[in-house]
């Protein structure tokens, strides 16, 4: 073979290896979706998750109480005639920096109390390339001392004055916390600020239609191809969207009229004061680079069980495919 041709072939081969390695790093860190290459997702999970049958590993992390039914969600994800996923449940107390990396997607629900040290684990997990779905009222209650570990201090709310000079001495919300002399801004990480549960602000008939889920971006990976208007009944988290370059509201709940409610035990709201939360409430919010974090105002299984219609099940299916295959 001509030496010059042989040299060119070697250079092309080296370049191809470097490109494949670069693609692998970008996908692994979540900066690029595995679907960027035709068949890339299948190859990616086959190579990365041999111990899981070559498919994504999903964890439903839960606590003691709050919105959600983790066992039901895992059941829906694992249905053989539907998604046929590989999902398991785990009590939040067993999560560590090491074992979260065993999963490609973590869904957090029925976990109203989440300690600040666990919030930091989730931030680390996403920074390392993981995908996270946060739901409802998860993490809206602080931990007292020693709940998050042997020597853990009590969690503390962050005040507006501690976050921004000249602001009020007022609690921002449950996801904005102090971290010793630093700030733990999990609200900005999610792209939303929690106000309360819908049922905290008025009567909450379990089977009555609350409103309609309105898809605002039918081309988004979490809502692609879904019906633009889906009925919903049941409780959910009332949140305000935070302005961010990466945060996108991809679905809202149209309440039909403005949702009014009084502060009743939420430290970040004035007790007894009347609040107007608006008519269209953020329901699905995508955040972080590559949409690696999503907030759902209601747990995904509630979307299916509230009204067992094909379009409601499609919300769950699109969450799975959107977070893992796009």
C-alpha atoms as a PDB file:
ATOM      1  CA  UNK A   1       0.000   0.000   0.000  1.00  0.00           C
ATOM      2  CA  UNK A   2       1.166   3.478  -0.791  1.00  0.00           C
ATOM      3  CA  UNK A   3       2.734   4.926   2.433  1.00  0.00           C
ATOM      4  CA  UNK A   4       0.953   8.240   1.974  1.00  0.00           C
ATOM      5  CA  UNK A   5      -2.452   6.512   1.583  1.00  0.00           C
ATOM      6  CA  UNK A   6      -1.736   4.337   4.605  1.00  0.00           C
ATOM      7  CA  UNK A   7      -0.885   7.440   6.638  1.00  0.00           C
ATOM      8  CA  UNK A   8      -4.140   9.132   5.582  1.00  0.00           C
ATOM      9  CA  UNK A   9      -6.185   6.048   6.561  1.00  0.00           C
ATOM     10  CA  UNK A  10      -4.564   6.027  10.013  1.00  0.00           C
ATOM     11  CA  UNK A  11      -5.325   9.721  10.454  1.00  0.00           C
ATOM     12  CA  UNK A  12      -8.973   9.216   9.449  1.00  0.00           C
ATOM     13  CA  UNK A  13      -9.258   6.266  11.841  1.00  0.00           C
ATOM     14  CA  UNK A  14      -7.799   8.291  14.715  1.00  0.00           C
ATOM     15  CA  UNK A  15     -10.154  11.176  13.923  1.00  0.00           C
ATOM     16  CA  UNK A  16     -13.141   8.802  13.893  1.00  0.00           C
ATOM     17  CA  UNK A  17     -12.144   7.362  17.282  1.00  0.00           C
ATOM     18  CA  UNK A  18     -11.776  10.865  18.718  1.00  0.00           C
ATOM     19  CA  UNK A  19     -15.180  11.914  17.360  1.00  0.00           C
ATOM     20  CA  UNK A  20     -16.842   8.809  18.816  1.00  0.00           C
ATOM     21  CA  UNK A  21     -15.156   9.481  22.165  1.00  0.00           C
ATOM     22  CA  UNK A  22     -16.302  13.127  22.080  1.00  0.00           C
ATOM     23  CA  UNK A  23     -19.885  12.078  21.293  1.00  0.00           C
ATOM     24  CA  UNK A  24     -19.757   9.602  24.163  1.00  0.00           C
ATOM     25  CA  UNK A  25     -18.587  12.275  26.603  1.00  0.00           C
ATOM     26  CA  UNK A  26     -21.232  14.772  25.436  1.00  0.00           C
ATOM     27  CA  UNK A  27     -24.004  12.176  25.775  1.00  0.00           C
ATOM     28  CA  UNK A  28     -22.714  10.902  29.118  1.00  0.00           C
ATOM     29  CA  UNK A  29     -22.672  14.417  30.569  1.00  0.00           C
ATOM     30  CA  UNK A  30     -26.117  15.191  29.152  1.00  0.00           C
ATOM     31  CA  UNK A  31     -24.967  18.020  26.894  1.00  0.00           C
ATOM     32  CA  UNK A  32     -26.114  16.058  23.846  1.00  0.00           C
ATOM     33  CA  UNK A  33     -29.054  13.682  23.453  1.00  0.00           C
ATOM     34  CA  UNK A  34     -28.260  10.095  22.520  1.00  0.00           C
ATOM     35  CA  UNK A  35     -30.627  10.472  19.528  1.00  0.00           C
ATOM     36  CA  UNK A  36     -28.157  12.898  17.940  1.00  0.00           C
ATOM     37  CA  UNK A  37     -26.774   9.832  16.160  1.00  0.00           C
ATOM     38  CA  UNK A  38     -29.174   7.433  14.368  1.00  0.00           C
ATOM     39  CA  UNK A  39     -29.550   4.404  16.629  1.00  0.00           C
ATOM     40  CA  UNK A  40     -27.369   6.150  19.196  1.00  0.00           C
ATOM     41  CA  UNK A  41     -29.705   5.599  22.169  1.00  0.00           C
ATOM     42  CA  UNK A  42     -29.838   1.849  21.635  1.00  0.00           C
ATOM     43  CA  UNK A  43     -26.051   1.654  21.334  1.00  0.00           C
ATOM     44  CA  UNK A  44     -25.546   3.959  24.315  1.00  0.00           C
ATOM     45  CA  UNK A  45     -27.741   2.014  26.729  1.00  0.00           C
ATOM     46  CA  UNK A  46     -26.562  -1.361  25.408  1.00  0.00           C
ATOM     47  CA  UNK A  47     -22.965  -0.366  26.164  1.00  0.00           C
ATOM     48  CA  UNK A  48     -23.653   1.423  29.455  1.00  0.00           C
ATOM     49  CA  UNK A  49     -26.343  -0.800  31.014  1.00  0.00           C
ATOM     50  CA  UNK A  50     -25.327  -4.384  30.305  1.00  0.00           C
ATOM     51  CA  UNK A  51     -26.268  -5.239  33.891  1.00  0.00           C
ATOM     52  CA  UNK A  52     -29.762  -3.847  33.249  1.00  0.00           C
ATOM     53  CA  UNK A  53     -30.487  -5.714  30.032  1.00  0.00           C
ATOM     54  CA  UNK A  54     -29.160  -2.912  27.848  1.00  0.00           C
ATOM     55  CA  UNK A  55     -32.022  -0.530  28.736  1.00  0.00           C
ATOM     56  CA  UNK A  56     -32.121   2.611  30.928  1.00  0.00           C
ATOM     57  CA  UNK A  57     -32.111   2.146  34.698  1.00  0.00           C
ATOM     58  CA  UNK A  58     -34.862   4.149  36.423  1.00  0.00           C
ATOM     59  CA  UNK A  59     -35.217   4.898  40.113  1.00  0.00           C
ATOM     60  CA  UNK A  60     -38.366   6.140  41.830  1.00  0.00           C
ATOM     61  CA  UNK A  61     -37.039   7.747  45.016  1.00  0.00           C
ATOM     62  CA  UNK A  62     -39.539   8.342  47.820  1.00  0.00           C
ATOM     63  CA  UNK A  63     -39.864   9.471  51.421  1.00  0.00           C
ATOM     64  CA  UNK A  64     -42.431   9.035  54.182  1.00  0.00           C
ATOM     65  CA  UNK A  65     -45.314  11.186  52.917  1.00  0.00           C
ATOM     66  CA  UNK A  66     -46.414  13.686  50.280  1.00  0.00           C
ATOM     67  CA  UNK A  67     -47.991  13.547  46.834  1.00  0.00           C
ATOM     68  CA  UNK A  68     -47.364  10.384  44.868  1.00  0.00           C
ATOM     69  CA  UNK A  69     -47.532   6.611  44.838  1.00  0.00           C
ATOM     70  CA  UNK A  70     -44.037   5.291  43.993  1.00  0.00           C
ATOM     71  CA  UNK A  71     -45.093   1.648  43.795  1.00  0.00           C
ATOM     72  CA  UNK A  72     -47.841   2.507  41.307  1.00  0.00           C
ATOM     73  CA  UNK A  73     -45.444   4.564  39.179  1.00  0.00           C
ATOM     74  CA  UNK A  74     -42.906   1.730  39.036  1.00  0.00           C
ATOM     75  CA  UNK A  75     -45.731  -0.644  38.100  1.00  0.00           C
ATOM     76  CA  UNK A  76     -46.828   1.579  35.206  1.00  0.00           C
ATOM     77  CA  UNK A  77     -43.267   2.011  33.944  1.00  0.00           C
ATOM     78  CA  UNK A  78     -42.621  -1.736  34.073  1.00  0.00           C
ATOM     79  CA  UNK A  79     -45.829  -2.823  32.298  1.00  0.00           C
ATOM     80  CA  UNK A  80     -44.746  -5.263  29.601  1.00  0.00           C
ATOM     81  CA  UNK A  81     -47.411  -4.257  27.089  1.00  0.00           C
ATOM     82  CA  UNK A  82     -46.557  -0.567  27.457  1.00  0.00           C
ATOM     83  CA  UNK A  83     -43.121   0.904  28.233  1.00  0.00           C
ATOM     84  CA  UNK A  84     -41.583  -2.331  29.560  1.00  0.00           C
ATOM     85  CA  UNK A  85     -39.012  -0.237  31.413  1.00  0.00           C
ATOM     86  CA  UNK A  86     -36.663  -1.298  34.212  1.00  0.00           C
ATOM     87  CA  UNK A  87     -37.755   0.783  37.204  1.00  0.00           C
ATOM     88  CA  UNK A  88     -37.287   0.185  40.912  1.00  0.00           C
ATOM     89  CA  UNK A  89     -38.152   2.092  44.074  1.00  0.00           C
ATOM     90  CA  UNK A  90     -35.867   3.171  46.892  1.00  0.00           C
ATOM     91  CA  UNK A  91     -36.327   5.058  50.145  1.00  0.00           C
ATOM     92  CA  UNK A  92     -34.597   8.422  49.891  1.00  0.00           C
ATOM     93  CA  UNK A  93     -32.574   7.791  53.045  1.00  0.00           C
ATOM     94  CA  UNK A  94     -30.421   5.249  51.193  1.00  0.00           C
ATOM     95  CA  UNK A  95     -29.367   7.603  48.385  1.00  0.00           C
ATOM     96  CA  UNK A  96     -25.672   8.458  48.252  1.00  0.00           C
ATOM     97  CA  UNK A  97     -23.346  10.255  45.857  1.00  0.00           C
ATOM     98  CA  UNK A  98     -22.113   6.854  44.713  1.00  0.00           C
ATOM     99  CA  UNK A  99     -25.331   4.939  44.057  1.00  0.00           C
ATOM    100  CA  UNK A 100     -27.315   7.661  42.234  1.00  0.00           C
ATOM    101  CA  UNK A 101     -24.973   7.207  39.292  1.00  0.00           C
ATOM    102  CA  UNK A 102     -26.346   3.687  38.841  1.00  0.00           C
ATOM    103  CA  UNK A 103     -29.465   5.251  37.300  1.00  0.00           C
ATOM    104  CA  UNK A 104     -30.203   7.110  34.071  1.00  0.00           C
ATOM    105  CA  UNK A 105     -33.407   8.709  35.368  1.00  0.00           C
ATOM    106  CA  UNK A 106     -34.563   9.432  38.917  1.00  0.00           C
ATOM    107  CA  UNK A 107     -38.159  10.400  39.687  1.00  0.00           C
ATOM    108  CA  UNK A 108     -38.780  11.885  43.139  1.00  0.00           C
ATOM    109  CA  UNK A 109     -42.246  11.702  44.698  1.00  0.00           C
ATOM    110  CA  UNK A 110     -44.066  11.075  47.985  1.00  0.00           C
ATOM    111  CA  UNK A 111     -41.163  12.901  49.576  1.00  0.00           C
ATOM    112  CA  UNK A 112     -42.446  16.094  51.163  1.00  0.00           C
ATOM    113  CA  UNK A 113     -39.535  16.115  53.598  1.00  0.00           C
ATOM    114  CA  UNK A 114     -36.150  16.093  51.852  1.00  0.00           C
ATOM    115  CA  UNK A 115     -33.013  17.101  53.752  1.00  0.00           C
ATOM    116  CA  UNK A 116     -30.668  19.664  52.235  1.00  0.00           C
ATOM    117  CA  UNK A 117     -27.821  17.153  51.976  1.00  0.00           C
ATOM    118  CA  UNK A 118     -30.035  15.005  49.733  1.00  0.00           C
ATOM    119  CA  UNK A 119     -30.880  18.026  47.539  1.00  0.00           C
ATOM    120  CA  UNK A 120     -27.147  18.467  46.969  1.00  0.00           C
ATOM    121  CA  UNK A 121     -26.874  14.817  45.911  1.00  0.00           C
ATOM    122  CA  UNK A 122     -29.526  15.420  43.239  1.00  0.00           C
ATOM    123  CA  UNK A 123     -27.685  18.484  41.977  1.00  0.00           C
ATOM    124  CA  UNK A 124     -24.476  16.465  41.764  1.00  0.00           C
ATOM    125  CA  UNK A 125     -26.326  13.669  39.965  1.00  0.00           C
ATOM    126  CA  UNK A 126     -27.615  16.003  37.237  1.00  0.00           C
ATOM    127  CA  UNK A 127     -24.237  17.736  36.893  1.00  0.00           C
ATOM    128  CA  UNK A 128     -22.742  14.280  36.276  1.00  0.00           C
ATOM    129  CA  UNK A 129     -25.178  13.668  33.403  1.00  0.00           C
ATOM    130  CA  UNK A 130     -28.248  12.190  35.127  1.00  0.00           C
ATOM    131  CA  UNK A 131     -31.871  13.071  34.388  1.00  0.00           C
ATOM    132  CA  UNK A 132     -34.225  14.113  37.176  1.00  0.00           C
ATOM    133  CA  UNK A 133     -38.011  14.424  37.402  1.00  0.00           C
ATOM    134  CA  UNK A 134     -39.185  16.307  40.505  1.00  0.00           C
ATOM    135  CA  UNK A 135     -42.869  16.160  41.364  1.00  0.00           C
ATOM    136  CA  UNK A 136     -45.579  17.927  43.326  1.00  0.00           C
ATOM    137  CA  UNK A 137     -44.608  18.909  46.870  1.00  0.00           C
ATOM    138  CA  UNK A 138     -41.362  16.926  47.074  1.00  0.00           C
ATOM    139  CA  UNK A 139     -38.753  18.648  49.225  1.00  0.00           C
ATOM    140  CA  UNK A 140     -41.070  21.352  50.573  1.00  0.00           C
ATOM    141  CA  UNK A 141     -40.487  20.448  54.216  1.00  0.00           C
ATOM    142  CA  UNK A 142     -37.206  20.914  56.093  1.00  0.00           C
ATOM    143  CA  UNK A 143     -35.379  18.302  58.143  1.00  0.00           C
ATOM    144  CA  UNK A 144     -34.586  18.784  61.808  1.00  0.00           C
ATOM    145  CA  UNK A 145     -31.060  18.122  63.061  1.00  0.00           C
ATOM    146  CA  UNK A 146     -29.583  14.633  62.543  1.00  0.00           C
ATOM    147  CA  UNK A 147     -32.318  13.475  60.137  1.00  0.00           C
ATOM    148  CA  UNK A 148     -30.084  13.548  57.097  1.00  0.00           C
ATOM    149  CA  UNK A 149     -27.075  11.888  58.707  1.00  0.00           C
ATOM    150  CA  UNK A 150     -25.295  11.317  61.990  1.00  0.00           C
ATOM    151  CA  UNK A 151     -23.920  14.829  62.310  1.00  0.00           C
ATOM    152  CA  UNK A 152     -26.333  16.723  60.033  1.00  0.00           C
ATOM    153  CA  UNK A 153     -27.430  20.166  61.192  1.00  0.00           C
ATOM    154  CA  UNK A 154     -31.021  21.350  60.992  1.00  0.00           C
ATOM    155  CA  UNK A 155     -32.062  22.723  57.595  1.00  0.00           C
ATOM    156  CA  UNK A 156     -32.712  26.453  57.286  1.00  0.00           C
ATOM    157  CA  UNK A 157     -34.717  28.567  54.860  1.00  0.00           C
ATOM    158  CA  UNK A 158     -32.912  31.215  52.830  1.00  0.00           C
ATOM    159  CA  UNK A 159     -34.200  34.781  53.164  1.00  0.00           C
ATOM    160  CA  UNK A 160     -34.575  37.180  50.244  1.00  0.00           C
ATOM    161  CA  UNK A 161     -32.230  39.599  52.023  1.00  0.00           C
ATOM    162  CA  UNK A 162     -29.566  36.872  52.186  1.00  0.00           C
ATOM    163  CA  UNK A 163     -29.942  36.177  48.483  1.00  0.00           C
ATOM    164  CA  UNK A 164     -30.131  39.741  47.190  1.00  0.00           C
ATOM    165  CA  UNK A 165     -28.809  42.881  48.841  1.00  0.00           C
ATOM    166  CA  UNK A 166     -31.546  45.307  49.898  1.00  0.00           C
ATOM    167  CA  UNK A 167     -34.339  42.720  49.648  1.00  0.00           C
ATOM    168  CA  UNK A 168     -36.858  41.904  52.387  1.00  0.00           C
ATOM    169  CA  UNK A 169     -36.143  39.615  55.303  1.00  0.00           C
ATOM    170  CA  UNK A 170     -38.649  37.142  53.953  1.00  0.00           C
ATOM    171  CA  UNK A 171     -38.428  33.418  53.248  1.00  0.00           C
ATOM    172  CA  UNK A 172     -38.073  32.801  49.505  1.00  0.00           C
ATOM    173  CA  UNK A 173     -39.596  29.331  49.520  1.00  0.00           C
ATOM    174  CA  UNK A 174     -38.893  25.774  50.700  1.00  0.00           C
ATOM    175  CA  UNK A 175     -36.427  24.957  47.904  1.00  0.00           C
ATOM    176  CA  UNK A 176     -34.167  27.941  48.651  1.00  0.00           C
ATOM    177  CA  UNK A 177     -32.044  27.067  51.680  1.00  0.00           C
ATOM    178  CA  UNK A 178     -28.931  27.991  53.590  1.00  0.00           C
ATOM    179  CA  UNK A 179     -25.924  25.728  53.216  1.00  0.00           C
ATOM    180  CA  UNK A 180     -23.676  26.890  56.042  1.00  0.00           C
ATOM    181  CA  UNK A 181     -22.241  30.146  54.636  1.00  0.00           C
ATOM    182  CA  UNK A 182     -23.449  29.335  51.105  1.00  0.00           C
ATOM    183  CA  UNK A 183     -26.787  29.295  49.301  1.00  0.00           C
ATOM    184  CA  UNK A 184     -28.556  26.138  48.158  1.00  0.00           C
ATOM    185  CA  UNK A 185     -30.815  27.391  45.353  1.00  0.00           C
ATOM    186  CA  UNK A 186     -32.751  24.251  44.497  1.00  0.00           C
ATOM    187  CA  UNK A 187     -35.656  26.429  43.324  1.00  0.00           C
ATOM    188  CA  UNK A 188     -33.499  27.854  40.532  1.00  0.00           C
ATOM    189  CA  UNK A 189     -32.263  24.335  39.819  1.00  0.00           C
ATOM    190  CA  UNK A 190     -35.886  23.242  39.212  1.00  0.00           C
ATOM    191  CA  UNK A 191     -36.968  26.474  37.528  1.00  0.00           C
ATOM    192  CA  UNK A 192     -39.994  26.921  39.820  1.00  0.00           C
ATOM    193  CA  UNK A 193     -40.869  28.185  43.299  1.00  0.00           C
ATOM    194  CA  UNK A 194     -43.407  26.261  45.375  1.00  0.00           C
ATOM    195  CA  UNK A 195     -46.374  28.112  46.892  1.00  0.00           C
ATOM    196  CA  UNK A 196     -48.465  25.236  48.276  1.00  0.00           C
ATOM    197  CA  UNK A 197     -50.657  22.307  47.275  1.00  0.00           C
ATOM    198  CA  UNK A 198     -53.909  23.025  45.475  1.00  0.00           C
ATOM    199  CA  UNK A 199     -55.861  21.329  48.277  1.00  0.00           C
ATOM    200  CA  UNK A 200     -54.241  23.698  50.801  1.00  0.00           C
ATOM    201  CA  UNK A 201     -56.042  26.636  49.223  1.00  0.00           C
ATOM    202  CA  UNK A 202     -59.651  25.445  49.095  1.00  0.00           C
ATOM    203  CA  UNK A 203     -62.034  22.554  48.681  1.00  0.00           C
ATOM    204  CA  UNK A 204     -60.522  19.612  46.853  1.00  0.00           C
ATOM    205  CA  UNK A 205     -63.097  17.103  45.536  1.00  0.00           C
ATOM    206  CA  UNK A 206     -61.077  13.966  44.639  1.00  0.00           C
ATOM    207  CA  UNK A 207     -62.914  13.107  41.412  1.00  0.00           C
ATOM    208  CA  UNK A 208     -63.984  16.508  40.112  1.00  0.00           C
ATOM    209  CA  UNK A 209     -62.138  17.981  37.159  1.00  0.00           C
ATOM    210  CA  UNK A 210     -59.788  20.668  38.452  1.00  0.00           C
ATOM    211  CA  UNK A 211     -58.888  22.063  35.078  1.00  0.00           C
ATOM    212  CA  UNK A 212     -57.273  21.139  31.792  1.00  0.00           C
ATOM    213  CA  UNK A 213     -53.624  20.539  31.098  1.00  0.00           C
ATOM    214  CA  UNK A 214     -52.782  22.822  28.191  1.00  0.00           C
ATOM    215  CA  UNK A 215     -49.697  21.886  26.181  1.00  0.00           C
ATOM    216  CA  UNK A 216     -47.882  25.122  25.327  1.00  0.00           C
ATOM    217  CA  UNK A 217     -45.118  23.549  23.234  1.00  0.00           C
ATOM    218  CA  UNK A 218     -46.235  20.547  21.158  1.00  0.00           C
ATOM    219  CA  UNK A 219     -42.714  20.187  19.722  1.00  0.00           C
ATOM    220  CA  UNK A 220     -41.008  19.813  23.111  1.00  0.00           C
ATOM    221  CA  UNK A 221     -39.628  16.370  23.916  1.00  0.00           C
ATOM    222  CA  UNK A 222     -41.898  16.000  26.980  1.00  0.00           C
ATOM    223  CA  UNK A 223     -45.086  16.934  25.152  1.00  0.00           C
ATOM    224  CA  UNK A 224     -44.379  15.997  21.532  1.00  0.00           C
ATOM    225  CA  UNK A 225     -47.512  14.769  19.782  1.00  0.00           C
ATOM    226  CA  UNK A 226     -49.768  15.101  22.828  1.00  0.00           C
ATOM    227  CA  UNK A 227     -53.308  16.430  22.767  1.00  0.00           C
ATOM    228  CA  UNK A 228     -53.251  20.204  23.354  1.00  0.00           C
ATOM    229  CA  UNK A 229     -55.898  19.972  26.100  1.00  0.00           C
ATOM    230  CA  UNK A 230     -56.118  17.139  28.666  1.00  0.00           C
ATOM    231  CA  UNK A 231     -58.568  17.038  31.609  1.00  0.00           C
ATOM    232  CA  UNK A 232     -57.091  16.620  35.103  1.00  0.00           C
ATOM    233  CA  UNK A 233     -58.525  15.967  38.558  1.00  0.00           C
ATOM    234  CA  UNK A 234     -56.734  15.639  41.888  1.00  0.00           C
ATOM    235  CA  UNK A 235     -54.206  17.523  43.983  1.00  0.00           C
ATOM    236  CA  UNK A 236     -51.060  19.157  42.578  1.00  0.00           C
ATOM    237  CA  UNK A 237     -48.302  21.591  43.463  1.00  0.00           C
ATOM    238  CA  UNK A 238     -48.997  25.275  42.873  1.00  0.00           C
ATOM    239  CA  UNK A 239     -45.761  26.891  41.697  1.00  0.00           C
ATOM    240  CA  UNK A 240     -44.449  30.087  40.150  1.00  0.00           C
ATOM    241  CA  UNK A 241     -42.011  29.840  37.243  1.00  0.00           C
ATOM    242  CA  UNK A 242     -38.586  31.389  37.751  1.00  0.00           C
ATOM    243  CA  UNK A 243     -37.111  33.380  34.890  1.00  0.00           C
ATOM    244  CA  UNK A 244     -34.157  31.488  33.495  1.00  0.00           C
ATOM    245  CA  UNK A 245     -32.452  30.970  30.153  1.00  0.00           C
ATOM    246  CA  UNK A 246     -32.969  27.207  30.400  1.00  0.00           C
ATOM    247  CA  UNK A 247     -36.369  26.949  32.144  1.00  0.00           C
ATOM    248  CA  UNK A 248     -39.325  26.408  29.801  1.00  0.00           C
ATOM    249  CA  UNK A 249     -42.984  25.975  30.701  1.00  0.00           C
ATOM    250  CA  UNK A 250     -44.141  23.242  28.318  1.00  0.00           C
ATOM    251  CA  UNK A 251     -47.584  22.672  29.870  1.00  0.00           C
ATOM    252  CA  UNK A 252     -49.896  24.637  32.150  1.00  0.00           C
ATOM    253  CA  UNK A 253     -53.046  23.814  34.064  1.00  0.00           C
ATOM    254  CA  UNK A 254     -55.905  26.030  32.930  1.00  0.00           C
ATOM    255  CA  UNK A 255     -57.951  26.421  36.102  1.00  0.00           C
ATOM    256  CA  UNK A 256     -60.769  28.144  34.232  1.00  0.00           C
ATOM    257  CA  UNK A 257     -60.600  31.197  36.471  1.00  0.00           C
ATOM    258  CA  UNK A 258     -57.940  32.700  38.714  1.00  0.00           C
ATOM    259  CA  UNK A 259     -56.941  30.422  41.583  1.00  0.00           C
ATOM    260  CA  UNK A 260     -57.294  32.335  44.853  1.00  0.00           C
ATOM    261  CA  UNK A 261     -56.011  31.072  48.181  1.00  0.00           C
ATOM    262  CA  UNK A 262     -55.007  32.200  51.645  1.00  0.00           C
ATOM    263  CA  UNK A 263     -51.707  31.535  53.348  1.00  0.00           C
ATOM    264  CA  UNK A 264     -52.305  28.746  55.846  1.00  0.00           C
ATOM    265  CA  UNK A 265     -49.178  27.411  57.489  1.00  0.00           C
ATOM    266  CA  UNK A 266     -46.693  28.013  54.650  1.00  0.00           C
ATOM    267  CA  UNK A 267     -43.808  30.025  56.215  1.00  0.00           C
ATOM    268  CA  UNK A 268     -43.094  31.742  52.875  1.00  0.00           C
ATOM    269  CA  UNK A 269     -46.667  33.092  52.666  1.00  0.00           C
ATOM    270  CA  UNK A 270     -48.279  35.610  54.993  1.00  0.00           C
ATOM    271  CA  UNK A 271     -50.722  33.775  57.245  1.00  0.00           C
ATOM    272  CA  UNK A 272     -54.307  34.620  56.299  1.00  0.00           C
ATOM    273  CA  UNK A 273     -53.299  36.843  53.370  1.00  0.00           C
ATOM    274  CA  UNK A 274     -55.165  36.370  50.082  1.00  0.00           C
ATOM    275  CA  UNK A 275     -53.094  35.362  47.049  1.00  0.00           C
ATOM    276  CA  UNK A 276     -53.964  35.294  43.364  1.00  0.00           C
ATOM    277  CA  UNK A 277     -51.977  32.514  41.696  1.00  0.00           C
ATOM    278  CA  UNK A 278     -53.439  33.182  38.256  1.00  0.00           C
ATOM    279  CA  UNK A 279     -55.489  31.122  35.854  1.00  0.00           C
ATOM    280  CA  UNK A 280     -52.789  29.210  33.977  1.00  0.00           C
ATOM    281  CA  UNK A 281     -50.560  27.448  36.469  1.00  0.00           C
ATOM    282  CA  UNK A 282     -47.183  25.943  35.481  1.00  0.00           C
ATOM    283  CA  UNK A 283     -47.700  22.172  35.271  1.00  0.00           C
ATOM    284  CA  UNK A 284     -44.680  20.771  33.415  1.00  0.00           C
ATOM    285  CA  UNK A 285     -41.459  22.797  33.445  1.00  0.00           C
ATOM    286  CA  UNK A 286     -38.224  21.726  31.754  1.00  0.00           C
ATOM    287  CA  UNK A 287     -34.938  23.113  33.072  1.00  0.00           C
ATOM    288  CA  UNK A 288     -31.139  22.825  32.932  1.00  0.00           C
ATOM    289  CA  UNK A 289     -28.963  22.407  29.842  1.00  0.00           C
ATOM    290  CA  UNK A 290     -30.460  19.773  27.565  1.00  0.00           C
ATOM    291  CA  UNK A 291     -33.658  19.678  29.628  1.00  0.00           C
ATOM    292  CA  UNK A 292     -32.085  17.262  32.123  1.00  0.00           C
ATOM    293  CA  UNK A 293     -34.441  18.383  34.902  1.00  0.00           C
ATOM    294  CA  UNK A 294     -38.232  18.440  34.717  1.00  0.00           C
ATOM    295  CA  UNK A 295     -40.805  19.495  37.282  1.00  0.00           C
ATOM    296  CA  UNK A 296     -44.276  17.930  37.169  1.00  0.00           C
ATOM    297  CA  UNK A 297     -46.903  19.596  39.367  1.00  0.00           C
ATOM    298  CA  UNK A 298     -48.562  16.198  39.869  1.00  0.00           C
ATOM    299  CA  UNK A 299     -46.868  12.786  40.094  1.00  0.00           C
ATOM    300  CA  UNK A 300     -46.885  11.038  36.683  1.00  0.00           C
ATOM    301  CA  UNK A 301     -49.010   8.113  37.845  1.00  0.00           C
ATOM    302  CA  UNK A 302     -51.690  10.558  39.025  1.00  0.00           C
ATOM    303  CA  UNK A 303     -51.933  11.837  35.451  1.00  0.00           C
ATOM    304  CA  UNK A 304     -52.768   8.305  34.336  1.00  0.00           C
ATOM    305  CA  UNK A 305     -55.060   7.316  37.208  1.00  0.00           C
ATOM    306  CA  UNK A 306     -56.993  10.593  37.397  1.00  0.00           C
ATOM    307  CA  UNK A 307     -58.696   9.773  34.100  1.00  0.00           C
ATOM    308  CA  UNK A 308     -57.498   6.557  32.438  1.00  0.00           C
ATOM    309  CA  UNK A 309     -57.557   7.823  28.891  1.00  0.00           C
ATOM    310  CA  UNK A 310     -54.949   7.168  26.228  1.00  0.00           C
ATOM    311  CA  UNK A 311     -53.870  10.803  26.195  1.00  0.00           C
ATOM    312  CA  UNK A 312     -53.173  10.768  29.945  1.00  0.00           C
ATOM    313  CA  UNK A 313     -51.055   7.629  29.617  1.00  0.00           C
ATOM    314  CA  UNK A 314     -49.253   9.349  26.754  1.00  0.00           C
ATOM    315  CA  UNK A 315     -48.044  12.007  29.220  1.00  0.00           C
ATOM    316  CA  UNK A 316     -46.211   9.316  31.179  1.00  0.00           C
ATOM    317  CA  UNK A 317     -44.868   7.654  28.042  1.00  0.00           C
ATOM    318  CA  UNK A 318     -43.616  10.963  26.686  1.00  0.00           C
ATOM    319  CA  UNK A 319     -41.894  11.694  30.012  1.00  0.00           C
ATOM    320  CA  UNK A 320     -40.036   8.381  29.696  1.00  0.00           C
ATOM    321  CA  UNK A 321     -39.011   8.834  26.066  1.00  0.00           C
ATOM    322  CA  UNK A 322     -38.403  12.574  26.373  1.00  0.00           C
ATOM    323  CA  UNK A 323     -36.079  12.311  29.361  1.00  0.00           C
ATOM    324  CA  UNK A 324     -34.173   9.213  28.194  1.00  0.00           C
ATOM    325  CA  UNK A 325     -34.226   9.078  24.408  1.00  0.00           C
ATOM    326  CA  UNK A 326     -34.153  12.720  23.295  1.00  0.00           C
END
